[in-house]
Amino acid sequence: MEDFQKVYSRRLIRVCRGIAGVLLVGCVSVMTGLLDVRVYNNEVDYARESMDKEKFKPHRCNDRLADMLEVIEAEDGNMWQDLRPAFRNWWACMRSAEGAEPVMPYLMLTAKDKQYIDPASRRVRGETVQQLST
């Protein structure tokens, strides 16, 4: 039994030394300037500087998903009554064609939220897409 504990502790020590070594090399390379590290406030700033701008475009139903998550996280509403309509709105958006997303009102999302899309502008975008397709 003691042999097993010795072997296990040796492996654990090797793993810890390996992790510490990687961290040390990373810290030294950043401090000496071998690596250029940029810190971004959010993914939007990162997407602006990235080469492939289409890769980091938010999903067209991101606002509906955020609304559904707000319903789950909210303390002032009744999750069991509000979750079904929020899920229905998100699911309708996922099933719709791109550019023809539904304009149903949000349950919890307000204009202050980052994911908020004004339903009037969404309606205008949907009409222009429909006009282009006809």
Protein backbone atom coordinates (compact mmCIF):
# COMPACT_ATOMS: atom_id res chain seq x y z
CA MET A 1 0.00 0.00 0.00
CA GLU A 2 2.84 2.38 0.77
CA ASP A 3 4.40 1.70 -2.64
CA PHE A 4 1.20 2.81 -4.33
CA GLN A 5 1.13 6.01 -2.29
CA LYS A 6 4.75 6.76 -3.17
CA VAL A 7 4.15 6.21 -6.88
CA TYR A 8 0.98 8.32 -6.77
CA SER A 9 2.69 11.16 -4.90
CA ARG A 10 5.64 11.11 -7.36
CA ARG A 11 3.22 11.36 -10.30
CA LEU A 12 1.34 14.16 -8.63
CA ILE A 13 4.56 16.04 -7.97
CA ARG A 14 5.63 15.61 -11.63
CA VAL A 15 2.29 16.92 -12.87
CA CYS A 16 2.44 19.91 -10.53
CA ARG A 17 6.01 20.67 -11.60
CA GLY A 18 4.97 20.46 -15.25
CA ILE A 19 2.08 22.88 -14.72
CA ALA A 20 4.30 25.24 -12.75
CA GLY A 21 6.94 25.08 -15.51
CA VAL A 22 4.43 25.95 -18.23
CA LEU A 23 3.12 28.85 -16.17
CA LEU A 24 6.65 30.05 -15.46
CA VAL A 25 7.63 29.93 -19.14
CA GLY A 26 4.45 31.81 -20.06
CA CYS A 27 5.04 34.50 -17.46
CA VAL A 28 8.67 34.94 -18.41
CA SER A 29 7.85 35.19 -22.12
CA VAL A 30 5.20 37.84 -21.47
CA MET A 31 7.42 39.81 -19.10
CA THR A 32 10.41 39.78 -21.46
CA GLY A 33 8.27 40.76 -24.45
CA LEU A 34 8.64 37.56 -26.44
CA LEU A 35 4.84 37.35 -26.66
CA ASP A 36 2.47 40.19 -27.42
CA VAL A 37 -0.63 39.82 -25.26
CA ARG A 38 -3.75 41.82 -26.01
CA VAL A 39 -6.62 42.03 -23.58
CA TYR A 40 -10.09 42.57 -25.01
CA ASN A 41 -13.09 43.79 -23.04
CA ASN A 42 -15.49 41.53 -24.92
CA GLU A 43 -15.82 39.42 -28.03
CA VAL A 44 -16.98 42.39 -30.11
CA ASP A 45 -13.63 44.15 -29.74
CA TYR A 46 -11.87 40.91 -30.63
CA ALA A 47 -14.04 40.45 -33.72
CA ARG A 48 -13.28 43.98 -34.92
CA GLU A 49 -9.56 43.27 -34.99
CA SER A 50 -9.74 39.72 -36.30
CA MET A 51 -9.08 38.87 -39.92
CA ASP A 52 -12.29 36.89 -40.49
CA LYS A 53 -15.13 39.24 -39.57
CA GLU A 54 -17.89 36.86 -40.72
CA LYS A 55 -16.67 34.16 -38.37
CA PHE A 56 -17.42 36.21 -35.25
CA LYS A 57 -20.80 37.58 -36.29
CA PRO A 58 -23.45 36.96 -33.61
CA HIS A 59 -26.18 34.48 -34.45
CA ARG A 60 -29.38 35.99 -35.81
CA CYS A 61 -31.41 34.54 -32.93
CA ASN A 62 -28.98 35.63 -30.22
CA ASP A 63 -31.46 38.22 -28.93
CA ARG A 64 -34.22 35.63 -28.52
CA LEU A 65 -31.89 33.31 -26.63
CA ALA A 66 -30.83 36.18 -24.38
CA ASP A 67 -34.49 36.94 -23.71
CA MET A 68 -35.12 33.31 -22.76
CA LEU A 69 -32.10 33.30 -20.43
CA GLU A 70 -33.29 36.54 -18.83
CA VAL A 71 -36.62 34.84 -18.11
CA ILE A 72 -34.78 32.00 -16.38
CA GLU A 73 -32.54 34.33 -14.37
CA ALA A 74 -35.18 36.93 -13.48
CA GLU A 75 -36.36 37.10 -9.90
CA ASP A 76 -39.33 39.40 -10.43
CA GLY A 77 -41.28 37.30 -12.95
CA ASN A 78 -42.81 33.86 -12.91
CA MET A 79 -40.41 31.60 -14.78
CA TRP A 80 -42.94 28.84 -15.31
CA GLN A 81 -45.42 31.16 -17.02
CA ASP A 82 -42.88 33.19 -19.01
CA LEU A 83 -40.54 30.42 -20.12
CA ARG A 84 -42.93 28.80 -22.58
CA PRO A 85 -43.55 32.00 -24.63
CA ALA A 86 -39.86 32.90 -24.52
CA PHE A 87 -38.91 29.42 -25.74
CA ARG A 88 -41.61 29.64 -28.41
CA ASN A 89 -40.19 32.96 -29.65
CA TRP A 90 -36.66 31.54 -29.77
CA TRP A 91 -37.78 28.36 -31.50
CA ALA A 92 -39.76 30.33 -34.11
CA CYS A 93 -36.67 32.43 -34.79
CA MET A 94 -34.50 29.32 -35.18
CA ARG A 95 -36.96 27.76 -37.65
CA SER A 96 -37.39 30.93 -39.72
CA ALA A 97 -35.34 31.78 -42.77
CA GLU A 98 -32.42 34.16 -42.40
CA GLY A 99 -33.69 37.72 -42.65
CA ALA A 100 -37.29 36.69 -41.97
CA GLU A 101 -37.05 36.41 -38.19
CA PRO A 102 -40.32 36.91 -36.30
CA VAL A 103 -41.03 40.31 -34.78
CA MET A 104 -42.71 39.07 -31.61
CA PRO A 105 -42.05 41.30 -28.59
CA TYR A 106 -39.45 40.43 -26.00
CA LEU A 107 -40.59 39.29 -22.58
CA MET A 108 -37.68 40.49 -20.44
CA LEU A 109 -35.14 42.14 -22.76
CA THR A 110 -35.13 45.94 -22.73
CA ALA A 111 -33.49 48.55 -24.95
CA LYS A 112 -30.64 48.85 -22.40
CA ASP A 113 -29.50 45.28 -23.06
CA LYS A 114 -26.68 44.61 -25.50
CA GLN A 115 -28.59 41.95 -27.45
CA TYR A 116 -31.72 44.08 -27.93
CA ILE A 117 -32.79 44.57 -31.54
CA ASP A 118 -35.53 47.10 -32.18
CA PRO A 119 -38.54 45.21 -33.62
CA ALA A 120 -39.22 48.07 -36.05
CA SER A 121 -35.75 47.77 -37.58
CA ARG A 122 -36.10 43.99 -37.70
CA ARG A 123 -39.41 44.36 -39.52
CA VAL A 124 -37.82 46.72 -42.06
CA ARG A 125 -34.93 44.29 -42.62
CA GLY A 126 -37.37 41.42 -43.12
CA GLU A 127 -39.40 43.39 -45.67
CA THR A 128 -36.29 44.30 -47.65
CA VAL A 129 -35.19 40.66 -47.73
CA GLN A 130 -38.65 39.60 -48.89
CA GLN A 131 -38.61 42.27 -51.61
CA LEU A 132 -35.22 41.10 -52.80
CA SER A 133 -36.32 37.48 -52.97
CA THR A 134 -39.44 38.20 -55.05
